[in-house]
Amino acid sequence: MRLADLTTSAVGGEAKEFLRAESESELIEAVRSIDAAGEKLLIVGGGSNLLVADEGFDGTVLQIASQGYQLSSEDSCGGASVVVQAGQNWDELVHETVRHAWSGLEALSGIPGSTGATPVQNVGAYGADVSQTIAAIRVWDRQLSKVTTMTNSEIGFGYRDSALKRATTAGSPRYVVLTVEFQLALGRMSAPIRYAELASRLGVSIGERAYALDVRRAVLELRSAKGMVLDSQDRDSYSTGSFFTNPIVAPSVAETLPETAPRYPVEGSQEVKLSAAWLISHSGFQKGFGLELSGGRASLSTKHSLAVTNRGEARAEDLLAVARAVRAGVAERFGIVLHPEPLLIGCEL
């Protein structure tokens, strides 16, 4: 099995072995067998946050394909408690929550991948992230060989980070997510809008609410315009999404940037979050950069400077060449080193 066939960037070589688990019991049994055999393990869900080397993966790739969700409880005080299988398609879940008037996930519409991956990366967009709605997760702890439950506080969420991610080495996690439990408010109105671009599109002020269905539609429109919704006809969507995280820096570093550089407060910290897209574009890298560098096979998206895209027949090394040039240019211009958001398997910047 080629990893290129399992990832949204459509790059990556062959897996030594490939397994697919369609239920929780199959998933646990597969992981136990792989560990007992001493094989390397790479977990794949929707493949939207992986960049795998052209040489492939010298071990077993296990695709999580468990599907479905269950309403655990629903009341006017506590809201809806929804338990979701790790392999459930994320955007399909978001659509279901909006349809059922369970509020809180609507701003995360259109993000590719599976539900089980969302707590690992603390997936977020447009002012929302999953740490705001995840109550708990159930995981298979490979170190202790048992199923355990982790509450929101135990997951240790940070910006695009978690204890799950910190316990993952080269794509091989200590904790394999089995189910994710979301606690969602009841109602047709969204969570408060926290992102200026989205608020403007909806015609509301920051902190106000809108109909969740309107929020979902607006987010899908915004993401599609940036090539951030998977579309087989749009080469800009053949990527890992945002390739670099927004840097979090000390105030003294932020002060060295022009006044026009976006700055965002970091909750519970004196540090400042910067815009990686702004840094990239103001370091001389325009949308579409990289075609000459990669022989026409890869480039920054023509719609969004933060995505590195497969223009057709690209190798992993082509995408990495574009990303390296961008990272070096930003470091030279602003003295800030960008860090990759996707997991790099068998390769590095």
Protein backbone atom coordinates (compact mmCIF):
# COMPACT_ATOMS: atom_id res chain seq x y z
CA MET A 1 0.00 0.00 0.00
CA ARG A 2 1.38 3.41 -0.99
CA LEU A 3 1.14 6.11 1.64
CA ALA A 4 0.40 8.48 -1.24
CA ASP A 5 -2.99 6.76 -1.50
CA LEU A 6 -3.74 7.36 2.19
CA THR A 7 -2.73 11.01 2.59
CA THR A 8 -4.26 14.29 1.42
CA SER A 9 -0.95 15.50 0.00
CA ALA A 10 -0.81 12.35 -2.18
CA VAL A 11 2.88 11.71 -1.51
CA GLY A 12 4.72 8.93 0.33
CA GLY A 13 6.21 5.57 -0.55
CA GLU A 14 5.16 2.01 0.22
CA ALA A 15 4.30 0.62 3.65
CA LYS A 16 6.01 -2.62 4.58
CA GLU A 17 2.68 -3.90 5.94
CA PHE A 18 -0.82 -2.42 5.92
CA LEU A 19 -3.78 -3.15 8.19
CA ARG A 20 -7.22 -1.57 8.48
CA ALA A 21 -9.22 -1.65 11.70
CA GLU A 22 -12.97 -1.06 11.37
CA SER A 23 -13.92 -1.46 15.03
CA GLU A 24 -12.47 -0.70 18.45
CA SER A 25 -11.77 -4.37 19.14
CA GLU A 26 -10.00 -4.78 15.79
CA LEU A 27 -7.94 -1.67 16.51
CA ILE A 28 -6.80 -2.85 19.94
CA GLU A 29 -6.02 -6.35 18.70
CA ALA A 30 -4.02 -5.01 15.76
CA VAL A 31 -1.93 -2.70 17.96
CA ARG A 32 -1.29 -5.50 20.48
CA SER A 33 -0.17 -7.85 17.71
CA ILE A 34 2.10 -5.28 16.11
CA ASP A 35 3.69 -4.42 19.46
CA ALA A 36 4.12 -8.09 20.36
CA ALA A 37 5.95 -8.65 17.08
CA GLY A 38 8.22 -5.67 17.74
CA GLU A 39 7.18 -3.98 14.51
CA LYS A 40 7.25 -0.24 13.88
CA LEU A 41 3.77 1.27 13.91
CA LEU A 42 2.35 4.25 12.05
CA ILE A 43 -1.26 5.22 12.77
CA VAL A 44 -3.24 6.77 9.90
CA GLY A 45 -6.74 8.20 10.03
CA GLY A 46 -7.68 10.59 7.26
CA GLY A 47 -4.03 11.19 6.37
CA SER A 48 -4.41 14.97 6.43
CA ASN A 49 -1.60 15.70 8.87
CA LEU A 50 1.13 13.39 7.60
CA LEU A 51 4.02 13.88 5.22
CA VAL A 52 5.69 10.52 4.60
CA ALA A 53 9.07 10.05 2.95
CA ASP A 54 9.35 8.82 -0.61
CA GLU A 55 11.11 5.73 0.75
CA GLY A 56 7.87 4.79 2.53
CA PHE A 57 7.52 3.30 6.00
CA ASP A 58 9.52 0.27 7.15
CA GLY A 59 6.85 -1.11 9.44
CA THR A 60 3.10 -1.56 9.73
CA VAL A 61 0.70 1.20 8.77
CA LEU A 62 -2.58 0.83 10.64
CA GLN A 63 -5.54 2.76 9.29
CA ILE A 64 -8.27 3.54 11.82
CA ALA A 65 -11.64 3.17 10.09
CA SER A 66 -14.10 2.81 13.01
CA GLN A 67 -17.26 4.77 12.26
CA GLY A 68 -20.24 6.33 14.00
CA TYR A 69 -21.25 8.28 17.06
CA GLN A 70 -23.63 7.82 19.97
CA LEU A 71 -25.60 10.37 21.97
CA SER A 72 -24.65 9.54 25.54
CA SER A 73 -26.89 12.13 27.21
CA GLU A 74 -28.85 15.25 26.34
CA ASP A 75 -30.47 17.78 28.66
CA SER A 76 -31.06 21.51 28.84
CA CYS A 77 -28.44 22.03 31.57
CA GLY A 78 -25.53 19.87 30.48
CA GLY A 79 -26.18 19.92 26.75
CA ALA A 80 -25.42 16.96 24.51
CA SER A 81 -22.71 14.42 25.32
CA VAL A 82 -21.68 12.78 22.05
CA VAL A 83 -19.24 9.84 21.94
CA VAL A 84 -17.55 9.46 18.55
CA GLN A 85 -15.50 6.62 17.08
CA ALA A 86 -11.91 7.54 16.24
CA GLY A 87 -12.22 6.74 12.53
CA GLN A 88 -15.34 8.85 12.00
CA ASN A 89 -14.89 11.44 9.24
CA TRP A 90 -14.56 14.78 11.00
CA ASP A 91 -16.52 17.04 8.67
CA GLU A 92 -19.37 14.55 8.46
CA LEU A 93 -19.53 14.66 12.27
CA VAL A 94 -19.60 18.47 12.28
CA HIS A 95 -22.44 18.39 9.77
CA GLU A 96 -24.37 15.99 12.02
CA THR A 97 -23.91 18.21 15.08
CA VAL A 98 -25.26 21.23 13.22
CA ARG A 99 -28.17 19.18 11.89
CA HIS A 100 -29.06 18.00 15.41
CA ALA A 101 -28.70 21.50 16.93
CA TRP A 102 -25.65 20.56 19.00
CA SER A 103 -23.60 23.73 19.09
CA GLY A 104 -19.84 24.18 19.32
CA LEU A 105 -18.13 22.52 16.35
CA GLU A 106 -19.56 24.57 13.47
CA ALA A 107 -16.48 26.81 13.06
CA LEU A 108 -14.40 23.66 12.53
CA SER A 109 -16.27 22.69 9.36
CA GLY A 110 -14.37 21.52 6.32
CA ILE A 111 -11.26 20.31 8.13
CA PRO A 112 -10.16 17.01 6.57
CA GLY A 113 -9.27 13.94 8.58
CA SER A 114 -10.74 11.72 11.26
CA THR A 115 -12.19 12.54 14.66
CA GLY A 116 -9.58 10.55 16.59
CA ALA A 117 -6.83 12.80 15.30
CA THR A 118 -8.44 16.01 16.52
CA PRO A 119 -7.38 15.84 20.19
CA VAL A 120 -3.81 14.89 19.25
CA GLN A 121 -3.22 18.13 17.38
CA ASN A 122 -5.85 20.16 19.24
CA VAL A 123 -7.29 20.87 15.82
CA GLY A 124 -8.59 24.39 15.39
CA ALA A 125 -9.60 27.10 12.95
CA TYR A 126 -11.45 30.42 12.87
CA GLY A 127 -11.05 31.06 16.59
CA ALA A 128 -12.20 27.61 17.74
CA ASP A 129 -10.37 24.44 18.68
CA VAL A 130 -11.47 21.05 19.95
CA SER A 131 -10.13 21.63 23.46
CA GLN A 132 -13.18 23.89 23.99
CA THR A 133 -15.63 21.01 23.52
CA ILE A 134 -13.83 17.72 24.28
CA ALA A 135 -14.88 16.33 27.65
CA ALA A 136 -12.83 13.13 27.59
CA ILE A 137 -11.23 10.52 25.37
CA ARG A 138 -10.75 6.78 25.65
CA VAL A 139 -7.37 5.48 24.55
CA TRP A 140 -5.39 2.28 24.32
CA ASP A 141 -2.25 2.92 26.37
CA ARG A 142 0.46 0.89 24.63
CA GLN A 143 2.86 1.30 27.52
CA LEU A 144 0.43 -0.08 30.12
CA SER A 145 -1.45 -2.36 27.68
CA LYS A 146 -4.89 -1.22 28.79
CA VAL A 147 -7.81 1.01 27.90
CA THR A 148 -7.91 4.22 29.92
CA THR A 149 -9.94 7.42 29.98
CA MET A 150 -8.34 10.87 29.88
CA THR A 151 -10.31 13.97 30.87
CA ASN A 152 -9.91 17.32 29.18
CA SER A 153 -7.37 18.51 31.76
CA GLU A 154 -5.39 15.27 31.54
CA ILE A 155 -5.06 15.62 27.76
CA GLY A 156 -2.87 18.69 28.38
CA PHE A 157 -4.07 20.78 25.46
CA GLY A 158 -1.91 23.56 24.06
CA TYR A 159 -1.75 25.44 20.77
CA ARG A 160 -1.80 22.63 18.16
CA ASP A 161 -0.47 20.40 20.92
CA SER A 162 -1.46 17.86 23.55
CA ALA A 163 -0.01 15.23 25.86
CA LEU A 164 -0.95 12.72 23.15
CA LYS A 165 1.20 14.48 20.60
CA ARG A 166 4.08 14.87 23.04
CA ALA A 167 3.98 11.10 23.67
CA THR A 168 4.19 10.33 19.93
CA THR A 169 7.52 9.50 18.30
CA ALA A 170 7.88 9.43 14.51
CA GLY A 171 4.14 8.92 14.10
CA SER A 172 4.05 6.08 16.63
CA PRO A 173 1.87 7.08 19.61
CA ARG A 174 1.84 5.81 23.16
CA TYR A 175 -1.89 6.56 23.29
CA VAL A 176 -4.11 5.26 20.47
CA VAL A 177 -7.40 7.15 20.48
CA LEU A 178 -10.47 4.90 20.50
CA THR A 179 -13.34 7.34 21.10
CA VAL A 180 -13.74 11.07 21.67
CA GLU A 181 -16.51 12.51 23.86
CA PHE A 182 -17.75 16.01 23.06
CA GLN A 183 -19.88 18.15 25.36
CA LEU A 184 -21.97 20.44 23.15
CA ALA A 185 -24.55 23.12 23.93
CA LEU A 186 -28.11 22.69 22.70
CA GLY A 187 -29.53 25.12 20.19
CA ARG A 188 -29.41 26.43 16.65
CA MET A 189 -27.07 29.30 17.55
CA SER A 190 -23.30 28.95 17.29
CA ALA A 191 -20.67 29.36 19.94
CA PRO A 192 -19.49 33.00 20.20
CA ILE A 193 -17.63 34.04 17.05
CA ARG A 194 -13.98 34.70 17.90
CA TYR A 195 -12.36 35.29 14.50
CA ALA A 196 -12.54 38.65 12.73
CA GLU A 197 -12.68 37.30 9.15
CA LEU A 198 -15.53 34.96 10.03
CA ALA A 199 -17.39 37.65 11.99
CA SER A 200 -17.14 40.00 9.01
CA ARG A 201 -18.47 37.35 6.62
CA LEU A 202 -21.42 36.72 8.96
CA GLY A 203 -22.08 40.40 9.62
CA VAL A 204 -21.72 40.07 13.41
CA SER A 205 -19.34 41.48 16.00
CA ILE A 206 -16.62 39.48 17.76
CA GLY A 207 -18.23 37.64 20.67
CA GLU A 208 -21.69 37.54 19.11
CA ARG A 209 -23.43 34.38 17.95
CA ALA A 210 -24.96 33.45 14.61
CA TYR A 211 -27.02 30.55 13.37
CA ALA A 212 -24.73 27.50 13.42
CA LEU A 213 -25.80 26.52 9.90
CA ASP A 214 -24.82 29.98 8.65
CA VAL A 215 -21.46 29.64 10.40
CA ARG A 216 -20.84 26.27 8.78
CA ARG A 217 -21.71 27.62 5.34
CA ALA A 218 -19.48 30.68 5.82
CA VAL A 219 -16.54 28.60 7.04
CA LEU A 220 -16.85 26.18 4.11
CA GLU A 221 -16.91 29.14 1.71
CA LEU A 222 -13.84 30.71 3.33
CA ARG A 223 -11.91 27.43 3.40
CA SER A 224 -12.84 26.57 -0.20
CA ALA A 225 -11.62 29.97 -1.38
CA LYS A 226 -8.26 29.14 0.22
CA GLY A 227 -8.07 25.61 -1.20
CA MET A 228 -8.54 24.17 2.30
CA VAL A 229 -11.47 21.88 1.52
CA LEU A 230 -10.61 18.59 -0.18
CA ASP A 231 -11.56 18.69 -3.85
CA SER A 232 -10.21 16.23 -6.40
CA GLN A 233 -10.48 18.95 -9.06
CA ASP A 234 -8.50 21.53 -7.06
CA ARG A 235 -4.73 20.94 -6.89
CA ASP A 236 -4.51 23.56 -4.14
CA SER A 237 -6.30 21.13 -1.83
CA TYR A 238 -3.63 18.44 -2.28
CA SER A 239 -1.72 19.40 0.85
CA THR A 240 -1.43 18.82 4.59
CA GLY A 241 -3.35 22.06 5.18
CA SER A 242 -1.32 24.70 6.96
CA PHE A 243 2.27 23.50 6.71
CA PHE A 244 3.59 25.77 9.48
CA THR A 245 2.13 26.63 12.85
CA ASN A 246 1.73 30.25 13.87
CA PRO A 247 4.84 31.13 15.92
CA ILE A 248 4.39 31.93 19.61
CA VAL A 249 7.10 34.34 20.70
CA ALA A 250 8.14 36.63 23.53
CA PRO A 251 6.81 40.22 23.39
CA SER A 252 10.35 41.45 22.75
CA VAL A 253 10.46 39.41 19.52
CA ALA A 254 7.05 40.66 18.40
CA GLU A 255 8.20 44.23 18.94
CA THR A 256 10.89 43.80 16.27
CA LEU A 257 8.22 43.31 13.59
CA PRO A 258 6.49 46.09 11.64
CA GLU A 259 3.39 47.53 13.27
CA THR A 260 1.27 45.99 10.51
CA ALA A 261 2.26 42.45 11.53
CA PRO A 262 -0.73 40.66 13.11
CA ARG A 263 -0.37 39.84 16.80
CA TYR A 264 -2.69 37.76 18.94
CA PRO A 265 -2.72 37.28 22.72
CA VAL A 266 -2.01 33.80 24.06
CA GLU A 267 -4.46 32.86 26.76
CA GLY A 268 -2.80 32.40 30.15
CA SER A 269 0.57 33.64 28.90
CA GLN A 270 2.52 36.84 28.29
CA GLU A 271 3.65 35.47 24.93
CA VAL A 272 2.33 36.61 21.56
CA LYS A 273 1.09 34.55 18.62
CA LEU A 274 2.12 35.74 15.17
CA SER A 275 0.72 34.96 11.74
CA ALA A 276 2.89 32.49 9.83
CA ALA A 277 1.08 33.42 6.61
CA TRP A 278 1.97 37.11 7.11
CA LEU A 279 5.61 36.27 7.81
CA ILE A 280 5.79 34.12 4.69
CA SER A 281 4.22 36.64 2.33
CA HIS A 282 6.30 39.50 3.77
CA SER A 283 9.48 37.50 3.30
CA GLY A 284 9.00 37.59 -0.46
CA PHE A 285 7.14 34.30 -0.94
CA GLN A 286 3.98 34.82 -2.92
CA LYS A 287 1.18 32.35 -3.56
CA GLY A 288 2.35 29.77 -6.09
CA PHE A 289 6.03 30.05 -5.10
CA GLY A 290 8.13 26.96 -5.71
CA LEU A 291 7.19 25.70 -9.15
CA GLU A 292 10.67 26.28 -10.56
CA LEU A 293 12.28 24.86 -7.44
CA SER A 294 10.32 21.59 -7.74
CA GLY A 295 10.23 21.24 -11.51
CA GLY A 296 6.56 22.27 -11.54
CA ARG A 297 5.51 19.47 -9.20
CA ALA A 298 4.98 21.41 -5.95
CA SER A 299 4.43 24.96 -4.75
CA LEU A 300 2.79 27.12 -2.16
CA SER A 301 -0.93 27.14 -2.79
CA THR A 302 -2.09 29.65 -5.38
CA LYS A 303 -4.85 30.57 -2.90
CA HIS A 304 -3.11 30.51 0.48
CA SER A 305 0.57 31.03 1.26
CA LEU A 306 0.54 28.69 4.28
CA ALA A 307 -0.12 25.45 2.36
CA VAL A 308 2.51 23.50 0.40
CA THR A 309 0.71 21.72 -2.42
CA ASN A 310 1.20 18.80 -4.78
CA ARG A 311 0.65 20.24 -8.25
CA GLY A 312 0.74 16.76 -9.81
CA GLU A 313 3.19 13.84 -9.54
CA ALA A 314 5.07 15.50 -6.68
CA ARG A 315 7.32 13.57 -4.35
CA ALA A 316 7.59 14.24 -0.63
CA GLU A 317 11.00 15.72 -1.30
CA ASP A 318 9.46 18.28 -3.67
CA LEU A 319 7.09 19.54 -0.96
CA LEU A 320 9.93 19.61 1.56
CA ALA A 321 12.15 21.61 -0.82
CA VAL A 322 9.49 24.33 -1.05
CA ALA A 323 8.95 24.29 2.71
CA ARG A 324 12.71 24.51 3.40
CA ALA A 325 13.09 27.52 1.14
CA VAL A 326 10.19 29.28 2.85
CA ARG A 327 11.45 28.50 6.35
CA ALA A 328 14.95 29.72 5.50
CA GLY A 329 13.61 32.92 3.94
CA VAL A 330 11.46 33.80 6.97
CA ALA A 331 14.37 33.11 9.32
CA GLU A 332 16.64 35.35 7.26
CA ARG A 333 14.10 38.18 6.99
CA PHE A 334 12.63 38.18 10.51
CA GLY A 335 14.86 35.91 12.60
CA ILE A 336 11.90 33.63 13.36
CA VAL A 337 12.08 29.89 12.70
CA LEU A 338 8.82 28.34 11.52
CA HIS A 339 7.89 24.86 12.72
CA PRO A 340 5.96 22.27 10.68
CA GLU A 341 2.40 21.39 11.68
CA PRO A 342 2.16 17.96 10.01
CA LEU A 343 4.03 14.94 11.32
CA LEU A 344 7.09 14.27 9.16
CA ILE A 345 7.59 10.51 8.84
CA GLY A 346 11.00 9.34 7.69
CA CYS A 347 11.92 12.84 6.52
CA GLU A 348 12.80 16.24 7.97
CA LEU A 349 13.01 19.91 7.06
